[in-house]
Amino acid sequence: MRNRLKLPVLCTMVLAASTLQAQDVELGNTKFQHSCAPCHGKGPGDDGRALLPGTDALRVKYQGSQPALLEERTDLPADVLMVYLRKGSWSMPPFRKTELSDSEIRDIAAYLEFASSQSR
């Protein structure tokens, strides 16, 4: 009898965790599109160049050793994003916690993990 009670509780916990993760991915996508995609998204820029400035800068920096498009990267967990977003990098400015909270950065990392798994 005890094992029968544990299974529904375990299933509920797994379902809740997957829903939370899906919610994190959705929130991360929304925040990525607002805060990151204007420089690091796909597509041509307003200046007529083939890539947006952040994507193009990463293309030049990595010269094919890493994807230039953040949504294709597999090496950007929350702790790595936190460093780049809080400190900035090259011409990318740092983001204050009032601009992007730690929670929002974790959501962006969840979205990027999901997006990169879809591009493989």
PDB file of N, CA and C in Angstrom:
ATOM      1  N   MET A   1       0.819  -1.196   0.000  1.00  0.00           N
ATOM      2  CA  MET A   1       0.000   0.000   0.000  1.00  0.00           C
ATOM      3  C   MET A   1       0.864   1.262   0.000  1.00  0.00           C
ATOM      4  N   ARG A   2       1.947   1.238   0.742  1.00  0.00           N
ATOM      5  CA  ARG A   2       2.803   2.420   0.819  1.00  0.00           C
ATOM      6  C   ARG A   2       3.393   2.762  -0.546  1.00  0.00           C
ATOM      7  N   ASN A   3       3.821   1.759  -1.333  1.00  0.00           N
ATOM      8  CA  ASN A   3       4.414   2.012  -2.646  1.00  0.00           C
ATOM      9  C   ASN A   3       3.396   2.607  -3.611  1.00  0.00           C
ATOM     10  N   ARG A   4       2.129   2.217  -3.498  1.00  0.00           N
ATOM     11  CA  ARG A   4       1.096   2.771  -4.380  1.00  0.00           C
ATOM     12  C   ARG A   4       0.884   4.257  -4.102  1.00  0.00           C
ATOM     13  N   LEU A   5       1.055   4.660  -2.891  1.00  0.00           N
ATOM     14  CA  LEU A   5       0.899   6.076  -2.569  1.00  0.00           C
ATOM     15  C   LEU A   5       2.089   6.900  -3.053  1.00  0.00           C
ATOM     16  N   LYS A   6       3.263   6.311  -3.059  1.00  0.00           N
ATOM     17  CA  LYS A   6       4.456   7.041  -3.475  1.00  0.00           C
ATOM     18  C   LYS A   6       4.451   7.340  -4.975  1.00  0.00           C
ATOM     19  N   LEU A   7       3.944   6.426  -5.798  1.00  0.00           N
ATOM     20  CA  LEU A   7       3.966   6.604  -7.244  1.00  0.00           C
ATOM     21  C   LEU A   7       3.188   7.838  -7.695  1.00  0.00           C
ATOM     22  N   PRO A   8       1.951   8.052  -7.252  1.00  0.00           N
ATOM     23  CA  PRO A   8       1.245   9.271  -7.670  1.00  0.00           C
ATOM     24  C   PRO A   8       1.957  10.553  -7.228  1.00  0.00           C
ATOM     25  N   VAL A   9       2.526  10.512  -6.039  1.00  0.00           N
ATOM     26  CA  VAL A   9       3.255  11.692  -5.551  1.00  0.00           C
ATOM     27  C   VAL A   9       4.474  11.945  -6.434  1.00  0.00           C
ATOM     28  N   LEU A  10       5.199  10.887  -6.778  1.00  0.00           N
ATOM     29  CA  LEU A  10       6.369  11.015  -7.639  1.00  0.00           C
ATOM     30  C   LEU A  10       5.971  11.517  -9.023  1.00  0.00           C
ATOM     31  N   CYS A  11       4.905  10.974  -9.593  1.00  0.00           N
ATOM     32  CA  CYS A  11       4.430  11.417 -10.908  1.00  0.00           C
ATOM     33  C   CYS A  11       4.024  12.890 -10.881  1.00  0.00           C
ATOM     34  N   THR A  12       3.368  13.301  -9.810  1.00  0.00           N
ATOM     35  CA  THR A  12       2.976  14.707  -9.666  1.00  0.00           C
ATOM     36  C   THR A  12       4.200  15.603  -9.600  1.00  0.00           C
ATOM     37  N   MET A  13       5.231  15.171  -8.877  1.00  0.00           N
ATOM     38  CA  MET A  13       6.461  15.965  -8.767  1.00  0.00           C
ATOM     39  C   MET A  13       7.164  16.078 -10.121  1.00  0.00           C
ATOM     40  N   VAL A  14       7.226  14.975 -10.877  1.00  0.00           N
ATOM     41  CA  VAL A  14       7.869  15.005 -12.194  1.00  0.00           C
ATOM     42  C   VAL A  14       7.094  15.912 -13.138  1.00  0.00           C
ATOM     43  N   LEU A  15       5.766  15.796 -13.131  1.00  0.00           N
ATOM     44  CA  LEU A  15       4.934  16.643 -13.980  1.00  0.00           C
ATOM     45  C   LEU A  15       5.099  18.113 -13.614  1.00  0.00           C
ATOM     46  N   ALA A  16       5.132  18.418 -12.330  1.00  0.00           N
ATOM     47  CA  ALA A  16       5.319  19.800 -11.886  1.00  0.00           C
ATOM     48  C   ALA A  16       6.680  20.327 -12.317  1.00  0.00           C
ATOM     49  N   ALA A  17       7.717  19.502 -12.218  1.00  0.00           N
ATOM     50  CA  ALA A  17       9.061  19.931 -12.619  1.00  0.00           C
ATOM     51  C   ALA A  17       9.121  20.183 -14.115  1.00  0.00           C
ATOM     52  N   SER A  18       8.502  19.326 -14.938  1.00  0.00           N
ATOM     53  CA  SER A  18       8.543  19.535 -16.386  1.00  0.00           C
ATOM     54  C   SER A  18       7.740  20.759 -16.778  1.00  0.00           C
ATOM     55  N   THR A  19       6.627  21.018 -16.092  1.00  0.00           N
ATOM     56  CA  THR A  19       5.836  22.216 -16.363  1.00  0.00           C
ATOM     57  C   THR A  19       6.623  23.458 -15.983  1.00  0.00           C
ATOM     58  N   LEU A  20       7.298  23.404 -14.836  1.00  0.00           N
ATOM     59  CA  LEU A  20       8.114  24.533 -14.406  1.00  0.00           C
ATOM     60  C   LEU A  20       9.222  24.788 -15.416  1.00  0.00           C
ATOM     61  N   GLN A  21       9.856  23.716 -15.896  1.00  0.00           N
ATOM     62  CA  GLN A  21      10.913  23.889 -16.882  1.00  0.00           C
ATOM     63  C   GLN A  21      10.347  24.495 -18.170  1.00  0.00           C
ATOM     64  N   ALA A  22       9.191  24.029 -18.618  1.00  0.00           N
ATOM     65  CA  ALA A  22       8.566  24.590 -19.816  1.00  0.00           C
ATOM     66  C   ALA A  22       8.245  26.069 -19.594  1.00  0.00           C
ATOM     67  N   GLN A  23       7.801  26.390 -18.398  1.00  0.00           N
ATOM     68  CA  GLN A  23       7.502  27.786 -18.075  1.00  0.00           C
ATOM     69  C   GLN A  23       8.781  28.623 -18.082  1.00  0.00           C
ATOM     70  N   ASP A  24       9.876  28.074 -17.550  1.00  0.00           N
ATOM     71  CA  ASP A  24      11.166  28.765 -17.564  1.00  0.00           C
ATOM     72  C   ASP A  24      11.614  29.032 -19.002  1.00  0.00           C
ATOM     73  N   VAL A  25      11.447  28.024 -19.870  1.00  0.00           N
ATOM     74  CA  VAL A  25      11.837  28.162 -21.274  1.00  0.00           C
ATOM     75  C   VAL A  25      11.003  29.250 -21.945  1.00  0.00           C
ATOM     76  N   GLU A  26       9.709  29.253 -21.686  1.00  0.00           N
ATOM     77  CA  GLU A  26       8.829  30.258 -22.284  1.00  0.00           C
ATOM     78  C   GLU A  26       9.186  31.665 -21.799  1.00  0.00           C
ATOM     79  N   LEU A  27       9.393  31.805 -20.489  1.00  0.00           N
ATOM     80  CA  LEU A  27       9.788  33.110 -19.941  1.00  0.00           C
ATOM     81  C   LEU A  27      11.156  33.525 -20.485  1.00  0.00           C
ATOM     82  N   GLY A  28      12.063  32.553 -20.583  1.00  0.00           N
ATOM     83  CA  GLY A  28      13.393  32.834 -21.108  1.00  0.00           C
ATOM     84  C   GLY A  28      13.358  33.275 -22.557  1.00  0.00           C
ATOM     85  N   ASN A  29      12.513  32.647 -23.358  1.00  0.00           N
ATOM     86  CA  ASN A  29      12.365  33.040 -24.759  1.00  0.00           C
ATOM     87  C   ASN A  29      11.877  34.484 -24.848  1.00  0.00           C
ATOM     88  N   THR A  30      10.862  34.808 -24.068  1.00  0.00           N
ATOM     89  CA  THR A  30      10.326  36.172 -24.077  1.00  0.00           C
ATOM     90  C   THR A  30      11.401  37.184 -23.698  1.00  0.00           C
ATOM     91  N   LYS A  31      12.153  36.886 -22.645  1.00  0.00           N
ATOM     92  CA  LYS A  31      13.196  37.809 -22.191  1.00  0.00           C
ATOM     93  C   LYS A  31      14.347  37.863 -23.189  1.00  0.00           C
ATOM     94  N   PHE A  32      14.713  36.717 -23.777  1.00  0.00           N
ATOM     95  CA  PHE A  32      15.772  36.682 -24.794  1.00  0.00           C
ATOM     96  C   PHE A  32      15.381  37.565 -25.980  1.00  0.00           C
ATOM     97  N   GLN A  33      14.147  37.416 -26.456  1.00  0.00           N
ATOM     98  CA  GLN A  33      13.698  38.202 -27.613  1.00  0.00           C
ATOM     99  C   GLN A  33      13.743  39.699 -27.314  1.00  0.00           C
ATOM    100  N   HIS A  34      13.437  40.062 -26.069  1.00  0.00           N
ATOM    101  CA  HIS A  34      13.431  41.478 -25.697  1.00  0.00           C
ATOM    102  C   HIS A  34      14.834  42.031 -25.430  1.00  0.00           C
ATOM    103  N   SER A  35      15.637  41.285 -24.674  1.00  0.00           N
ATOM    104  CA  SER A  35      16.907  41.827 -24.185  1.00  0.00           C
ATOM    105  C   SER A  35      18.135  41.400 -24.980  1.00  0.00           C
ATOM    106  N   CYS A  36      18.081  40.256 -25.655  1.00  0.00           N
ATOM    107  CA  CYS A  36      19.274  39.701 -26.309  1.00  0.00           C
ATOM    108  C   CYS A  36      19.182  39.701 -27.835  1.00  0.00           C
ATOM    109  N   ALA A  37      18.024  39.317 -28.347  1.00  0.00           N
ATOM    110  CA  ALA A  37      17.865  39.149 -29.795  1.00  0.00           C
ATOM    111  C   ALA A  37      18.123  40.412 -30.618  1.00  0.00           C
ATOM    112  N   PRO A  38      17.886  41.606 -30.089  1.00  0.00           N
ATOM    113  CA  PRO A  38      18.188  42.783 -30.910  1.00  0.00           C
ATOM    114  C   PRO A  38      19.656  42.844 -31.376  1.00  0.00           C
ATOM    115  N   CYS A  39      20.562  42.247 -30.623  1.00  0.00           N
ATOM    116  CA  CYS A  39      21.974  42.181 -31.043  1.00  0.00           C
ATOM    117  C   CYS A  39      22.400  40.765 -31.420  1.00  0.00           C
ATOM    118  N   HIS A  40      21.831  39.754 -30.759  1.00  0.00           N
ATOM    119  CA  HIS A  40      22.309  38.378 -30.913  1.00  0.00           C
ATOM    120  C   HIS A  40      21.313  37.458 -31.616  1.00  0.00           C
ATOM    121  N   GLY A  41      20.296  38.017 -32.250  1.00  0.00           N
ATOM    122  CA  GLY A  41      19.306  37.181 -32.917  1.00  0.00           C
ATOM    123  C   GLY A  41      19.705  36.822 -34.342  1.00  0.00           C
ATOM    124  N   LYS A  42      18.809  36.097 -35.003  1.00  0.00           N
ATOM    125  CA  LYS A  42      19.005  35.723 -36.403  1.00  0.00           C
ATOM    126  C   LYS A  42      18.614  36.895 -37.294  1.00  0.00           C
ATOM    127  N   GLY A  43      19.029  36.820 -38.516  1.00  0.00           N
ATOM    128  CA  GLY A  43      18.512  37.740 -39.511  1.00  0.00           C
ATOM    129  C   GLY A  43      19.362  38.954 -39.753  1.00  0.00           C
ATOM    130  N   PRO A  44      19.016  39.678 -40.797  1.00  0.00           N
ATOM    131  CA  PRO A  44      19.785  40.872 -41.149  1.00  0.00           C
ATOM    132  C   PRO A  44      19.512  42.023 -40.185  1.00  0.00           C
ATOM    133  N   GLY A  45      20.499  42.862 -40.062  1.00  0.00           N
ATOM    134  CA  GLY A  45      20.355  44.043 -39.227  1.00  0.00           C
ATOM    135  C   GLY A  45      19.777  45.208 -40.018  1.00  0.00           C
ATOM    136  N   ASP A  46      19.456  46.274 -39.328  1.00  0.00           N
ATOM    137  CA  ASP A  46      18.927  47.473 -39.980  1.00  0.00           C
ATOM    138  C   ASP A  46      19.947  48.116 -40.912  1.00  0.00           C
ATOM    139  N   ASP A  47      21.222  47.807 -40.695  1.00  0.00           N
ATOM    140  CA  ASP A  47      22.278  48.397 -41.511  1.00  0.00           C
ATOM    141  C   ASP A  47      22.520  47.623 -42.812  1.00  0.00           C
ATOM    142  N   GLY A  48      21.712  46.574 -43.059  1.00  0.00           N
ATOM    143  CA  GLY A  48      21.848  45.808 -44.287  1.00  0.00           C
ATOM    144  C   GLY A  48      22.839  44.662 -44.219  1.00  0.00           C
ATOM    145  N   ARG A  49      23.574  44.560 -43.129  1.00  0.00           N
ATOM    146  CA  ARG A  49      24.504  43.433 -42.990  1.00  0.00           C
ATOM    147  C   ARG A  49      23.721  42.139 -42.807  1.00  0.00           C
ATOM    148  N   ALA A  50      24.354  41.032 -43.153  1.00  0.00           N
ATOM    149  CA  ALA A  50      23.680  39.732 -43.092  1.00  0.00           C
ATOM    150  C   ALA A  50      23.353  39.302 -41.667  1.00  0.00           C
ATOM    151  N   LEU A  51      24.156  39.730 -40.702  1.00  0.00           N
ATOM    152  CA  LEU A  51      23.955  39.325 -39.310  1.00  0.00           C
ATOM    153  C   LEU A  51      23.809  40.543 -38.406  1.00  0.00           C
ATOM    154  N   LEU A  52      23.140  40.347 -37.286  1.00  0.00           N
ATOM    155  CA  LEU A  52      23.046  41.415 -36.293  1.00  0.00           C
ATOM    156  C   LEU A  52      24.416  41.611 -35.651  1.00  0.00           C
ATOM    157  N   PRO A  53      24.681  42.773 -35.047  1.00  0.00           N
ATOM    158  CA  PRO A  53      26.037  43.095 -34.579  1.00  0.00           C
ATOM    159  C   PRO A  53      26.636  42.098 -33.581  1.00  0.00           C
ATOM    160  N   GLY A  54      25.868  41.652 -32.601  1.00  0.00           N
ATOM    161  CA  GLY A  54      26.408  40.705 -31.624  1.00  0.00           C
ATOM    162  C   GLY A  54      26.696  39.349 -32.247  1.00  0.00           C
ATOM    163  N   THR A  55      25.818  38.903 -33.122  1.00  0.00           N
ATOM    164  CA  THR A  55      26.013  37.627 -33.813  1.00  0.00           C
ATOM    165  C   THR A  55      27.226  37.711 -34.731  1.00  0.00           C
ATOM    166  N   ASP A  56      27.349  38.815 -35.440  1.00  0.00           N
ATOM    167  CA  ASP A  56      28.483  38.987 -36.341  1.00  0.00           C
ATOM    168  C   ASP A  56      29.799  39.083 -35.566  1.00  0.00           C
ATOM    169  N   ALA A  57      29.784  39.781 -34.422  1.00  0.00           N
ATOM    170  CA  ALA A  57      31.002  39.884 -33.602  1.00  0.00           C
ATOM    171  C   ALA A  57      31.445  38.502 -33.118  1.00  0.00           C
ATOM    172  N   LEU A  58      30.486  37.653 -32.752  1.00  0.00           N
ATOM    173  CA  LEU A  58      30.835  36.298 -32.315  1.00  0.00           C
ATOM    174  C   LEU A  58      31.306  35.444 -33.494  1.00  0.00           C
ATOM    175  N   ARG A  59      30.765  35.689 -34.671  1.00  0.00           N
ATOM    176  CA  ARG A  59      31.223  34.981 -35.870  1.00  0.00           C
ATOM    177  C   ARG A  59      32.695  35.284 -36.120  1.00  0.00           C
ATOM    178  N   VAL A  60      33.049  36.552 -36.018  1.00  0.00           N
ATOM    179  CA  VAL A  60      34.437  36.975 -36.212  1.00  0.00           C
ATOM    180  C   VAL A  60      35.326  36.425 -35.092  1.00  0.00           C
ATOM    181  N   LYS A  61      34.861  36.525 -33.867  1.00  0.00           N
ATOM    182  CA  LYS A  61      35.653  36.078 -32.712  1.00  0.00           C
ATOM    183  C   LYS A  61      35.944  34.581 -32.762  1.00  0.00           C
ATOM    184  N   TYR A  62      34.938  33.776 -33.045  1.00  0.00           N
ATOM    185  CA  TYR A  62      35.104  32.321 -32.974  1.00  0.00           C
ATOM    186  C   TYR A  62      35.528  31.685 -34.291  1.00  0.00           C
ATOM    187  N   GLN A  63      35.417  32.381 -35.387  1.00  0.00           N
ATOM    188  CA  GLN A  63      35.847  31.896 -36.701  1.00  0.00           C
ATOM    189  C   GLN A  63      35.466  30.435 -36.953  1.00  0.00           C
ATOM    190  N   GLY A  64      34.221  30.097 -36.630  1.00  0.00           N
ATOM    191  CA  GLY A  64      33.716  28.758 -36.903  1.00  0.00           C
ATOM    192  C   GLY A  64      33.940  27.726 -35.815  1.00  0.00           C
ATOM    193  N   SER A  65      34.731  28.046 -34.782  1.00  0.00           N
ATOM    194  CA  SER A  65      34.965  27.071 -33.716  1.00  0.00           C
ATOM    195  C   SER A  65      33.751  26.944 -32.790  1.00  0.00           C
ATOM    196  N   GLN A  66      32.907  27.952 -32.744  1.00  0.00           N
ATOM    197  CA  GLN A  66      31.652  27.963 -31.993  1.00  0.00           C
ATOM    198  C   GLN A  66      30.588  28.578 -32.899  1.00  0.00           C
ATOM    199  N   PRO A  67      29.329  28.197 -32.752  1.00  0.00           N
ATOM    200  CA  PRO A  67      28.281  28.885 -33.511  1.00  0.00           C
ATOM    201  C   PRO A  67      28.201  30.356 -33.082  1.00  0.00           C
ATOM    202  N   ALA A  68      27.984  31.218 -34.039  1.00  0.00           N
ATOM    203  CA  ALA A  68      27.837  32.642 -33.728  1.00  0.00           C
ATOM    204  C   ALA A  68      26.472  32.938 -33.115  1.00  0.00           C
ATOM    205  N   LEU A  69      25.475  32.160 -33.489  1.00  0.00           N
ATOM    206  CA  LEU A  69      24.119  32.361 -33.003  1.00  0.00           C
ATOM    207  C   LEU A  69      23.978  31.735 -31.611  1.00  0.00           C
ATOM    208  N   LEU A  70      23.612  32.541 -30.626  1.00  0.00           N
ATOM    209  CA  LEU A  70      23.518  32.052 -29.248  1.00  0.00           C
ATOM    210  C   LEU A  70      22.549  30.889 -29.125  1.00  0.00           C
ATOM    211  N   GLU A  71      21.498  30.882 -29.909  1.00  0.00           N
ATOM    212  CA  GLU A  71      20.490  29.831 -29.820  1.00  0.00           C
ATOM    213  C   GLU A  71      20.991  28.480 -30.343  1.00  0.00           C
ATOM    214  N   GLU A  72      22.177  28.464 -30.917  1.00  0.00           N
ATOM    215  CA  GLU A  72      22.780  27.209 -31.373  1.00  0.00           C
ATOM    216  C   GLU A  72      23.905  26.741 -30.459  1.00  0.00           C
ATOM    217  N   ARG A  73      24.216  27.528 -29.448  1.00  0.00           N
ATOM    218  CA  ARG A  73      25.318  27.206 -28.533  1.00  0.00           C
ATOM    219  C   ARG A  73      24.869  26.220 -27.465  1.00  0.00           C
ATOM    220  N   THR A  74      25.774  25.349 -27.065  1.00  0.00           N
ATOM    221  CA  THR A  74      25.482  24.376 -26.008  1.00  0.00           C
ATOM    222  C   THR A  74      26.315  24.639 -24.757  1.00  0.00           C
ATOM    223  N   ASP A  75      27.042  25.734 -24.739  1.00  0.00           N
ATOM    224  CA  ASP A  75      27.973  26.008 -23.638  1.00  0.00           C
ATOM    225  C   ASP A  75      27.608  27.276 -22.865  1.00  0.00           C
ATOM    226  N   LEU A  76      26.310  27.554 -22.737  1.00  0.00           N
ATOM    227  CA  LEU A  76      25.898  28.788 -22.066  1.00  0.00           C
ATOM    228  C   LEU A  76      24.917  28.528 -20.919  1.00  0.00           C
ATOM    229  N   PRO A  77      25.357  27.775 -19.900  1.00  0.00           N
ATOM    230  CA  PRO A  77      24.487  27.604 -18.733  1.00  0.00           C
ATOM    231  C   PRO A  77      24.358  28.927 -17.977  1.00  0.00           C
ATOM    232  N   ALA A  78      23.461  28.954 -17.028  1.00  0.00           N
ATOM    233  CA  ALA A  78      23.169  30.192 -16.290  1.00  0.00           C
ATOM    234  C   ALA A  78      24.402  30.820 -15.664  1.00  0.00           C
ATOM    235  N   ASP A  79      25.305  30.012 -15.099  1.00  0.00           N
ATOM    236  CA  ASP A  79      26.479  30.601 -14.434  1.00  0.00           C
ATOM    237  C   ASP A  79      27.397  31.300 -15.435  1.00  0.00           C
ATOM    238  N   VAL A  80      27.485  30.791 -16.647  1.00  0.00           N
ATOM    239  CA  VAL A  80      28.301  31.440 -17.680  1.00  0.00           C
ATOM    240  C   VAL A  80      27.612  32.721 -18.154  1.00  0.00           C
ATOM    241  N   LEU A  81      26.314  32.636 -18.421  1.00  0.00           N
ATOM    242  CA  LEU A  81      25.570  33.836 -18.833  1.00  0.00           C
ATOM    243  C   LEU A  81      25.655  34.931 -17.781  1.00  0.00           C
ATOM    244  N   MET A  82      25.601  34.516 -16.518  1.00  0.00           N
ATOM    245  CA  MET A  82      25.644  35.483 -15.420  1.00  0.00           C
ATOM    246  C   MET A  82      26.924  36.324 -15.500  1.00  0.00           C
ATOM    247  N   VAL A  83      28.037  35.703 -15.791  1.00  0.00           N
ATOM    248  CA  VAL A  83      29.313  36.425 -15.886  1.00  0.00           C
ATOM    249  C   VAL A  83      29.270  37.415 -17.036  1.00  0.00           C
ATOM    250  N   TYR A  84      28.893  36.949 -18.222  1.00  0.00           N
ATOM    251  CA  TYR A  84      28.863  37.836 -19.388  1.00  0.00           C
ATOM    252  C   TYR A  84      27.855  38.963 -19.223  1.00  0.00           C
ATOM    253  N   LEU A  85      26.683  38.644 -18.671  1.00  0.00           N
ATOM    254  CA  LEU A  85      25.645  39.666 -18.553  1.00  0.00           C
ATOM    255  C   LEU A  85      25.919  40.660 -17.430  1.00  0.00           C
ATOM    256  N   ARG A  86      26.549  40.232 -16.376  1.00  0.00           N
ATOM    257  CA  ARG A  86      26.834  41.159 -15.274  1.00  0.00           C
ATOM    258  C   ARG A  86      28.084  42.001 -15.535  1.00  0.00           C
ATOM    259  N   LYS A  87      29.074  41.424 -16.198  1.00  0.00           N
ATOM    260  CA  LYS A  87      30.334  42.140 -16.413  1.00  0.00           C
ATOM    261  C   LYS A  87      30.431  42.777 -17.802  1.00  0.00           C
ATOM    262  N   GLY A  88      29.641  42.283 -18.754  1.00  0.00           N
ATOM    263  CA  GLY A  88      29.761  42.751 -20.123  1.00  0.00           C
ATOM    264  C   GLY A  88      30.954  42.089 -20.800  1.00  0.00           C
ATOM    265  N   SER A  89      31.076  42.305 -22.082  1.00  0.00           N
ATOM    266  CA  SER A  89      32.169  41.694 -22.834  1.00  0.00           C
ATOM    267  C   SER A  89      32.403  42.506 -24.095  1.00  0.00           C
ATOM    268  N   TRP A  90      33.629  42.930 -24.295  1.00  0.00           N
ATOM    269  CA  TRP A  90      33.989  43.751 -25.446  1.00  0.00           C
ATOM    270  C   TRP A  90      33.028  44.931 -25.554  1.00  0.00           C
ATOM    271  N   SER A  91      32.251  44.984 -26.613  1.00  0.00           N
ATOM    272  CA  SER A  91      31.345  46.128 -26.784  1.00  0.00           C
ATOM    273  C   SER A  91      29.978  45.893 -26.145  1.00  0.00           C
ATOM    274  N   MET A  92      29.746  44.696 -25.605  1.00  0.00           N
ATOM    275  CA  MET A  92      28.472  44.428 -24.939  1.00  0.00           C
ATOM    276  C   MET A  92      28.501  45.027 -23.534  1.00  0.00           C
ATOM    277  N   PRO A  93      27.513  45.845 -23.228  1.00  0.00           N
ATOM    278  CA  PRO A  93      27.496  46.462 -21.902  1.00  0.00           C
ATOM    279  C   PRO A  93      27.043  45.468 -20.833  1.00  0.00           C
ATOM    280  N   PRO A  94      27.394  45.724 -19.580  1.00  0.00           N
ATOM    281  CA  PRO A  94      26.864  44.885 -18.495  1.00  0.00           C
ATOM    282  C   PRO A  94      25.394  45.210 -18.252  1.00  0.00           C
ATOM    283  N   PHE A  95      24.675  44.226 -17.749  1.00  0.00           N
ATOM    284  CA  PHE A  95      23.269  44.423 -17.391  1.00  0.00           C
ATOM    285  C   PHE A  95      23.159  44.407 -15.872  1.00  0.00           C
ATOM    286  N   ARG A  96      22.534  45.451 -15.320  1.00  0.00           N
ATOM    287  CA  ARG A  96      22.298  45.520 -13.878  1.00  0.00           C
ATOM    288  C   ARG A  96      21.149  44.591 -13.492  1.00  0.00           C
ATOM    289  N   LYS A  97      21.065  44.249 -12.216  1.00  0.00           N
ATOM    290  CA  LYS A  97      19.986  43.382 -11.747  1.00  0.00           C
ATOM    291  C   LYS A  97      18.622  44.022 -11.927  1.00  0.00           C
ATOM    292  N   THR A  98      18.572  45.334 -12.049  1.00  0.00           N
ATOM    293  CA  THR A  98      17.295  46.005 -12.307  1.00  0.00           C
ATOM    294  C   THR A  98      16.897  45.873 -13.780  1.00  0.00           C
ATOM    295  N   GLU A  99      17.856  45.533 -14.645  1.00  0.00           N
ATOM    296  CA  GLU A  99      17.561  45.333 -16.066  1.00  0.00           C
ATOM    297  C   GLU A  99      17.258  43.866 -16.372  1.00  0.00           C
ATOM    298  N   LEU A 100      18.058  42.976 -15.796  1.00  0.00           N
ATOM    299  CA  LEU A 100      17.870  41.526 -15.910  1.00  0.00           C
ATOM    300  C   LEU A 100      18.133  40.912 -14.543  1.00  0.00           C
ATOM    301  N   SER A 101      17.122  40.320 -13.960  1.00  0.00           N
ATOM    302  CA  SER A 101      17.314  39.691 -12.642  1.00  0.00           C
ATOM    303  C   SER A 101      18.050  38.362 -12.817  1.00  0.00           C
ATOM    304  N   ASP A 102      18.577  37.842 -11.722  1.00  0.00           N
ATOM    305  CA  ASP A 102      19.229  36.531 -11.756  1.00  0.00           C
ATOM    306  C   ASP A 102      18.255  35.459 -12.233  1.00  0.00           C
ATOM    307  N   SER A 103      17.017  35.558 -11.797  1.00  0.00           N
ATOM    308  CA  SER A 103      15.986  34.609 -12.210  1.00  0.00           C
ATOM    309  C   SER A 103      15.742  34.683 -13.727  1.00  0.00           C
ATOM    310  N   GLU A 104      15.710  35.880 -14.268  1.00  0.00           N
ATOM    311  CA  GLU A 104      15.523  36.040 -15.712  1.00  0.00           C
ATOM    312  C   GLU A 104      16.714  35.479 -16.490  1.00  0.00           C
ATOM    313  N   ILE A 105      17.907  35.629 -15.948  1.00  0.00           N
ATOM    314  CA  ILE A 105      19.088  35.055 -16.605  1.00  0.00           C
ATOM    315  C   ILE A 105      18.998  33.532 -16.597  1.00  0.00           C
ATOM    316  N   ARG A 106      18.533  32.953 -15.500  1.00  0.00           N
ATOM    317  CA  ARG A 106      18.350  31.495 -15.458  1.00  0.00           C
ATOM    318  C   ARG A 106      17.293  31.058 -16.476  1.00  0.00           C
ATOM    319  N   ASP A 107      16.238  31.862 -16.625  1.00  0.00           N
ATOM    320  CA  ASP A 107      15.214  31.549 -17.626  1.00  0.00           C
ATOM    321  C   ASP A 107      15.789  31.624 -19.043  1.00  0.00           C
ATOM    322  N   ILE A 108      16.610  32.625 -19.315  1.00  0.00           N
ATOM    323  CA  ILE A 108      17.255  32.748 -20.630  1.00  0.00           C
ATOM    324  C   ILE A 108      18.142  31.536 -20.882  1.00  0.00           C
ATOM    325  N   ALA A 109      18.878  31.105 -19.862  1.00  0.00           N
ATOM    326  CA  ALA A 109      19.735  29.919 -20.000  1.00  0.00           C
ATOM    327  C   ALA A 109      18.887  28.680 -20.308  1.00  0.00           C
ATOM    328  N   ALA A 110      17.727  28.553 -19.658  1.00  0.00           N
ATOM    329  CA  ALA A 110      16.830  27.421 -19.933  1.00  0.00           C
ATOM    330  C   ALA A 110      16.349  27.481 -21.377  1.00  0.00           C
ATOM    331  N   TYR A 111      16.001  28.681 -21.842  1.00  0.00           N
ATOM    332  CA  TYR A 111      15.572  28.833 -23.240  1.00  0.00           C
ATOM    333  C   TYR A 111      16.702  28.470 -24.202  1.00  0.00           C
ATOM    334  N   LEU A 112      17.904  28.963 -23.949  1.00  0.00           N
ATOM    335  CA  LEU A 112      19.027  28.670 -24.852  1.00  0.00           C
ATOM    336  C   LEU A 112      19.342  27.183 -24.876  1.00  0.00           C
ATOM    337  N   GLU A 113      19.249  26.525 -23.726  1.00  0.00           N
ATOM    338  CA  GLU A 113      19.469  25.074 -23.686  1.00  0.00           C
ATOM    339  C   GLU A 113      18.423  24.362 -24.548  1.00  0.00           C
ATOM    340  N   PHE A 114      17.169  24.780 -24.402  1.00  0.00           N
ATOM    341  CA  PHE A 114      16.078  24.194 -25.190  1.00  0.00           C
ATOM    342  C   PHE A 114      16.297  24.474 -26.678  1.00  0.00           C
ATOM    343  N   ALA A 115      16.570  25.731 -27.017  1.00  0.00           N
ATOM    344  CA  ALA A 115      16.738  26.116 -28.421  1.00  0.00           C
ATOM    345  C   ALA A 115      17.892  25.364 -29.078  1.00  0.00           C
ATOM    346  N   SER A 116      18.999  25.218 -28.355  1.00  0.00           N
ATOM    347  CA  SER A 116      20.150  24.503 -28.939  1.00  0.00           C
ATOM    348  C   SER A 116      19.829  23.040 -29.140  1.00  0.00           C
ATOM    349  N   SER A 117      19.012  22.462 -28.272  1.00  0.00           N
ATOM    350  CA  SER A 117      18.649  21.040 -28.447  1.00  0.00           C
ATOM    351  C   SER A 117      17.733  20.873 -29.654  1.00  0.00           C
ATOM    352  N   GLN A 118      16.972  21.907 -30.016  1.00  0.00           N
ATOM    353  CA  GLN A 118      16.096  21.843 -31.174  1.00  0.00           C
ATOM    354  C   GLN A 118      16.842  22.045 -32.482  1.00  0.00           C
ATOM    355  N   SER A 119      18.001  22.696 -32.402  1.00  0.00           N
ATOM    356  CA  SER A 119      18.765  22.986 -33.635  1.00  0.00           C
ATOM    357  C   SER A 119      19.716  21.863 -34.012  1.00  0.00           C
ATOM    358  N   ARG A 120      19.869  20.866 -33.140  1.00  0.00           N
ATOM    359  CA  ARG A 120      20.779  19.746 -33.451  1.00  0.00           C
ATOM    360  C   ARG A 120      20.135  18.745 -34.344  1.00  0.00           C
TER     361      ARG A 120
END
